[in-house]
């Protein structure tokens, strides 16, 4: 199970890097891969924290691209951030909800 977490975390990291570099399509692809891996795992805090970060990064990348399709990811990311009480995920969620600059 740990290799799955590491793979999902690596996909999240790569997605963030590609989003910042302007390759949103590639970023969204690896976010989707991370979500597929994480959703196949049993519920636990580590999985839920990674889901929060991945959904929020997905939303931010779509926002950077000017797409309106990210509301589902925002909702799920905020929900996971609140339930896990992960300080970084909660800060990112609050930033997304505030409508201020999109932060990766």
N, C-alpha and C. Protein backbone atom coordinates (compact mmCIF):
# COMPACT_ATOMS: atom_id res chain seq x y z
N UNK A 1 0.82 -1.19 0.00
CA UNK A 1 0.00 0.00 0.00
C UNK A 1 0.87 1.26 0.00
N UNK A 2 1.99 1.24 0.70
CA UNK A 2 2.86 2.42 0.75
C UNK A 2 3.36 2.85 -0.63
N UNK A 3 3.73 1.90 -1.53
CA UNK A 3 4.14 2.36 -2.86
C UNK A 3 3.04 3.12 -3.58
N UNK A 4 1.79 2.76 -3.33
CA UNK A 4 0.67 3.49 -3.97
C UNK A 4 0.64 4.94 -3.48
N UNK A 5 0.85 5.14 -2.17
CA UNK A 5 0.88 6.50 -1.63
C UNK A 5 2.03 7.29 -2.23
N UNK A 6 3.18 6.66 -2.33
CA UNK A 6 4.35 7.34 -2.90
C UNK A 6 4.12 7.71 -4.35
N UNK A 7 3.50 6.81 -5.11
CA UNK A 7 3.21 7.09 -6.52
C UNK A 7 2.22 8.25 -6.64
N UNK A 8 1.17 8.23 -5.82
CA UNK A 8 0.18 9.31 -5.86
C UNK A 8 0.81 10.64 -5.46
N UNK A 9 1.65 10.63 -4.42
CA UNK A 9 2.32 11.86 -3.99
C UNK A 9 3.26 12.37 -5.07
N UNK A 10 3.95 11.47 -5.73
CA UNK A 10 4.86 11.88 -6.82
C UNK A 10 4.06 12.47 -7.98
N UNK A 11 2.92 11.87 -8.29
CA UNK A 11 2.07 12.41 -9.36
C UNK A 11 1.58 13.81 -9.00
N UNK A 12 1.22 14.01 -7.74
CA UNK A 12 0.79 15.33 -7.27
C UNK A 12 1.91 16.34 -7.44
N UNK A 13 3.11 15.97 -7.05
CA UNK A 13 4.27 16.86 -7.17
C UNK A 13 4.56 17.19 -8.63
N UNK A 14 4.56 16.17 -9.49
CA UNK A 14 4.81 16.40 -10.91
C UNK A 14 3.72 17.28 -11.52
N UNK A 15 2.48 17.03 -11.13
CA UNK A 15 1.38 17.84 -11.65
C UNK A 15 1.53 19.30 -11.29
N UNK A 16 1.90 19.56 -10.05
CA UNK A 16 2.10 20.95 -9.64
C UNK A 16 3.23 21.61 -10.44
N UNK A 17 4.31 20.87 -10.63
CA UNK A 17 5.43 21.41 -11.41
C UNK A 17 5.01 21.71 -12.84
N UNK A 18 4.30 20.79 -13.47
CA UNK A 18 3.87 21.00 -14.85
C UNK A 18 2.85 22.12 -14.95
N UNK A 19 1.99 22.26 -13.97
CA UNK A 19 1.00 23.35 -13.99
C UNK A 19 1.71 24.70 -13.93
N UNK A 20 2.72 24.81 -13.08
CA UNK A 20 3.47 26.07 -12.96
C UNK A 20 4.22 26.37 -14.26
N UNK A 21 4.69 25.31 -14.91
CA UNK A 21 5.42 25.49 -16.17
C UNK A 21 4.49 25.77 -17.35
N UNK A 22 3.17 25.67 -17.11
CA UNK A 22 2.22 25.98 -18.17
C UNK A 22 1.69 24.77 -18.93
N UNK A 23 2.07 23.58 -18.52
CA UNK A 23 1.60 22.36 -19.19
C UNK A 23 0.41 21.80 -18.41
N UNK A 24 -0.72 22.50 -18.49
CA UNK A 24 -1.89 22.11 -17.73
C UNK A 24 -2.43 20.74 -18.13
N UNK A 25 -2.40 20.42 -19.40
CA UNK A 25 -2.93 19.13 -19.85
C UNK A 25 -2.18 17.97 -19.22
N UNK A 26 -0.88 18.08 -19.20
CA UNK A 26 -0.06 17.04 -18.59
C UNK A 26 -0.29 16.98 -17.08
N UNK A 27 -0.44 18.13 -16.45
CA UNK A 27 -0.70 18.19 -15.01
C UNK A 27 -2.03 17.51 -14.68
N UNK A 28 -3.05 17.83 -15.43
CA UNK A 28 -4.37 17.23 -15.18
C UNK A 28 -4.34 15.72 -15.36
N UNK A 29 -3.55 15.26 -16.30
CA UNK A 29 -3.43 13.82 -16.53
C UNK A 29 -2.83 13.10 -15.33
N UNK A 30 -1.77 13.65 -14.75
CA UNK A 30 -1.16 12.98 -13.59
C UNK A 30 -2.01 13.16 -12.34
N UNK A 31 -2.74 14.27 -12.22
CA UNK A 31 -3.69 14.40 -11.11
C UNK A 31 -4.75 13.30 -11.21
N UNK A 32 -5.24 13.08 -12.40
CA UNK A 32 -6.25 12.03 -12.60
C UNK A 32 -5.69 10.67 -12.23
N UNK A 33 -4.45 10.40 -12.60
CA UNK A 33 -3.80 9.14 -12.20
C UNK A 33 -3.71 9.03 -10.69
N UNK A 34 -3.33 10.11 -10.02
CA UNK A 34 -3.23 10.11 -8.56
C UNK A 34 -4.59 9.84 -7.93
N UNK A 35 -5.64 10.47 -8.44
CA UNK A 35 -6.97 10.26 -7.90
C UNK A 35 -7.43 8.81 -8.09
N UNK A 36 -7.11 8.22 -9.22
CA UNK A 36 -7.46 6.82 -9.47
C UNK A 36 -6.79 5.91 -8.46
N UNK A 37 -5.51 6.15 -8.21
CA UNK A 37 -4.77 5.35 -7.23
C UNK A 37 -5.36 5.52 -5.84
N UNK A 38 -5.57 6.76 -5.44
CA UNK A 38 -6.04 7.05 -4.08
C UNK A 38 -7.45 6.53 -3.83
N UNK A 39 -8.32 6.62 -4.82
CA UNK A 39 -9.69 6.16 -4.64
C UNK A 39 -9.78 4.64 -4.52
N UNK A 40 -8.76 3.93 -4.98
CA UNK A 40 -8.74 2.47 -4.87
C UNK A 40 -8.25 2.01 -3.50
N UNK A 41 -7.70 2.92 -2.70
CA UNK A 41 -7.17 2.56 -1.38
C UNK A 41 -8.25 2.68 -0.31
N UNK A 42 -8.08 1.93 0.77
CA UNK A 42 -9.06 2.05 1.87
C UNK A 42 -8.93 3.41 2.56
N UNK A 43 -10.01 3.90 3.12
CA UNK A 43 -9.96 5.21 3.79
C UNK A 43 -9.00 5.20 4.98
N UNK A 44 -8.19 6.22 5.04
CA UNK A 44 -7.32 6.50 6.19
C UNK A 44 -6.81 7.92 6.03
N UNK A 45 -6.21 8.46 7.05
CA UNK A 45 -5.82 9.87 7.06
C UNK A 45 -4.84 10.21 5.93
N UNK A 46 -3.82 9.38 5.72
CA UNK A 46 -2.84 9.67 4.68
C UNK A 46 -3.50 9.78 3.32
N UNK A 47 -4.36 8.84 3.02
CA UNK A 47 -5.08 8.86 1.74
C UNK A 47 -5.93 10.12 1.63
N UNK A 48 -6.64 10.45 2.70
CA UNK A 48 -7.53 11.60 2.67
C UNK A 48 -6.78 12.92 2.54
N UNK A 49 -5.63 13.02 3.17
CA UNK A 49 -4.80 14.23 3.03
C UNK A 49 -4.33 14.36 1.58
N UNK A 50 -3.87 13.25 1.01
CA UNK A 50 -3.44 13.30 -0.40
C UNK A 50 -4.61 13.61 -1.33
N UNK A 51 -5.79 13.08 -1.02
CA UNK A 51 -6.97 13.42 -1.82
C UNK A 51 -7.29 14.91 -1.73
N UNK A 52 -7.20 15.48 -0.55
CA UNK A 52 -7.45 16.91 -0.39
C UNK A 52 -6.50 17.72 -1.27
N UNK A 53 -5.21 17.43 -1.15
CA UNK A 53 -4.21 18.17 -1.92
C UNK A 53 -4.40 17.98 -3.42
N UNK A 54 -4.70 16.74 -3.83
CA UNK A 54 -4.85 16.47 -5.26
C UNK A 54 -6.07 17.16 -5.84
N UNK A 55 -7.19 17.09 -5.14
CA UNK A 55 -8.41 17.76 -5.64
C UNK A 55 -8.20 19.28 -5.69
N UNK A 56 -7.56 19.83 -4.68
CA UNK A 56 -7.32 21.29 -4.68
C UNK A 56 -6.35 21.69 -5.79
N UNK A 57 -5.31 20.89 -6.01
CA UNK A 57 -4.38 21.18 -7.11
C UNK A 57 -5.09 21.07 -8.45
N UNK A 58 -5.97 20.08 -8.58
CA UNK A 58 -6.77 19.91 -9.81
C UNK A 58 -7.59 21.18 -10.05
N UNK A 59 -8.27 21.65 -9.00
CA UNK A 59 -9.06 22.88 -9.12
C UNK A 59 -8.19 24.07 -9.51
N UNK A 60 -7.05 24.23 -8.85
CA UNK A 60 -6.18 25.37 -9.13
C UNK A 60 -5.66 25.34 -10.56
N UNK A 61 -5.32 24.16 -11.05
CA UNK A 61 -4.82 24.04 -12.41
C UNK A 61 -5.92 24.38 -13.42
N UNK A 62 -7.13 23.91 -13.17
CA UNK A 62 -8.24 24.27 -14.05
C UNK A 62 -8.50 25.78 -14.00
N UNK A 63 -8.38 26.37 -12.82
CA UNK A 63 -8.58 27.82 -12.69
C UNK A 63 -7.51 28.59 -13.46
N UNK A 64 -6.27 28.10 -13.40
CA UNK A 64 -5.19 28.74 -14.16
C UNK A 64 -5.46 28.68 -15.66
N UNK A 65 -6.08 27.60 -16.08
CA UNK A 65 -6.39 27.42 -17.50
C UNK A 65 -7.66 28.16 -17.90
N UNK A 66 -8.36 28.74 -16.91
CA UNK A 66 -9.58 29.48 -17.20
C UNK A 66 -10.81 28.61 -17.37
N UNK A 67 -10.73 27.35 -16.94
CA UNK A 67 -11.87 26.43 -17.07
C UNK A 67 -12.78 26.56 -15.85
N UNK A 68 -14.07 26.42 -16.08
CA UNK A 68 -15.04 26.50 -14.99
C UNK A 68 -15.42 25.12 -14.46
N UNK A 69 -14.79 24.08 -14.96
CA UNK A 69 -15.17 22.71 -14.63
C UNK A 69 -14.63 22.23 -13.30
N UNK A 70 -13.92 23.05 -12.57
CA UNK A 70 -13.25 22.59 -11.37
C UNK A 70 -14.04 22.64 -10.09
N UNK A 71 -15.30 23.00 -10.12
CA UNK A 71 -16.09 23.14 -8.89
C UNK A 71 -16.20 21.83 -8.12
N UNK A 72 -16.31 20.72 -8.83
CA UNK A 72 -16.38 19.41 -8.17
C UNK A 72 -15.10 19.16 -7.37
N UNK A 73 -13.96 19.48 -7.96
CA UNK A 73 -12.68 19.27 -7.28
C UNK A 73 -12.51 20.23 -6.11
N UNK A 74 -13.01 21.45 -6.26
CA UNK A 74 -12.97 22.39 -5.15
C UNK A 74 -13.80 21.86 -3.98
N UNK A 75 -15.00 21.43 -4.27
CA UNK A 75 -15.88 20.92 -3.22
C UNK A 75 -15.25 19.72 -2.50
N UNK A 76 -14.74 18.76 -3.26
CA UNK A 76 -14.13 17.57 -2.65
C UNK A 76 -12.86 17.92 -1.90
N UNK A 77 -12.04 18.79 -2.47
CA UNK A 77 -10.80 19.19 -1.82
C UNK A 77 -11.05 19.89 -0.50
N UNK A 78 -12.02 20.78 -0.48
CA UNK A 78 -12.37 21.50 0.76
C UNK A 78 -12.92 20.52 1.79
N UNK A 79 -13.74 19.60 1.35
CA UNK A 79 -14.33 18.62 2.26
C UNK A 79 -13.24 17.75 2.90
N UNK A 80 -12.33 17.24 2.09
CA UNK A 80 -11.22 16.43 2.64
C UNK A 80 -10.32 17.27 3.54
N UNK A 81 -10.05 18.50 3.15
CA UNK A 81 -9.18 19.36 3.97
C UNK A 81 -9.81 19.61 5.34
N UNK A 82 -11.10 19.82 5.36
CA UNK A 82 -11.78 20.06 6.64
C UNK A 82 -11.79 18.80 7.50
N UNK A 83 -12.06 17.66 6.90
CA UNK A 83 -12.18 16.43 7.68
C UNK A 83 -10.83 15.93 8.19
N UNK A 84 -9.76 16.16 7.45
CA UNK A 84 -8.44 15.68 7.88
C UNK A 84 -7.76 16.65 8.83
N UNK A 85 -8.19 17.91 8.79
CA UNK A 85 -7.59 18.96 9.60
C UNK A 85 -6.10 19.16 9.30
N UNK A 86 -5.70 18.83 8.08
CA UNK A 86 -4.32 19.07 7.65
C UNK A 86 -4.14 20.57 7.46
N UNK A 87 -3.20 21.19 8.20
CA UNK A 87 -3.08 22.65 8.15
C UNK A 87 -2.79 23.20 6.75
N UNK A 88 -1.92 22.54 6.00
CA UNK A 88 -1.59 23.04 4.66
C UNK A 88 -2.80 22.90 3.72
N UNK A 89 -3.45 21.77 3.76
CA UNK A 89 -4.63 21.57 2.90
C UNK A 89 -5.72 22.58 3.26
N UNK A 90 -5.89 22.83 4.55
CA UNK A 90 -6.91 23.80 4.96
C UNK A 90 -6.55 25.20 4.49
N UNK A 91 -5.27 25.57 4.55
CA UNK A 91 -4.83 26.89 4.08
C UNK A 91 -5.06 27.03 2.57
N UNK A 92 -4.74 25.99 1.83
CA UNK A 92 -4.95 26.03 0.38
C UNK A 92 -6.45 26.12 0.08
N UNK A 93 -7.25 25.34 0.81
CA UNK A 93 -8.70 25.37 0.60
C UNK A 93 -9.26 26.76 0.88
N UNK A 94 -8.82 27.37 1.97
CA UNK A 94 -9.29 28.72 2.30
C UNK A 94 -8.89 29.72 1.21
N UNK A 95 -7.69 29.57 0.69
CA UNK A 95 -7.23 30.45 -0.39
C UNK A 95 -8.10 30.26 -1.63
N UNK A 96 -8.41 29.03 -1.96
CA UNK A 96 -9.26 28.77 -3.11
C UNK A 96 -10.66 29.35 -2.92
N UNK A 97 -11.18 29.19 -1.72
CA UNK A 97 -12.53 29.68 -1.44
C UNK A 97 -12.61 31.20 -1.38
N UNK A 98 -11.50 31.83 -1.02
CA UNK A 98 -11.52 33.28 -0.88
C UNK A 98 -11.60 34.00 -2.21
N UNK A 99 -11.28 33.29 -3.28
CA UNK A 99 -11.35 33.90 -4.60
C UNK A 99 -10.15 34.77 -4.91
N UNK A 100 -9.13 34.71 -4.06
CA UNK A 100 -7.92 35.47 -4.30
C UNK A 100 -7.06 34.74 -5.31
N UNK A 101 -5.80 35.08 -5.39
CA UNK A 101 -4.89 34.45 -6.33
C UNK A 101 -4.89 32.94 -6.17
N UNK A 102 -4.76 32.24 -7.29
CA UNK A 102 -4.66 30.80 -7.27
C UNK A 102 -3.23 30.45 -6.88
N UNK A 103 -3.08 29.67 -5.83
CA UNK A 103 -1.76 29.32 -5.29
C UNK A 103 -1.54 27.84 -5.45
N UNK A 104 -0.37 27.47 -5.95
CA UNK A 104 -0.04 26.04 -6.06
C UNK A 104 0.84 25.63 -4.93
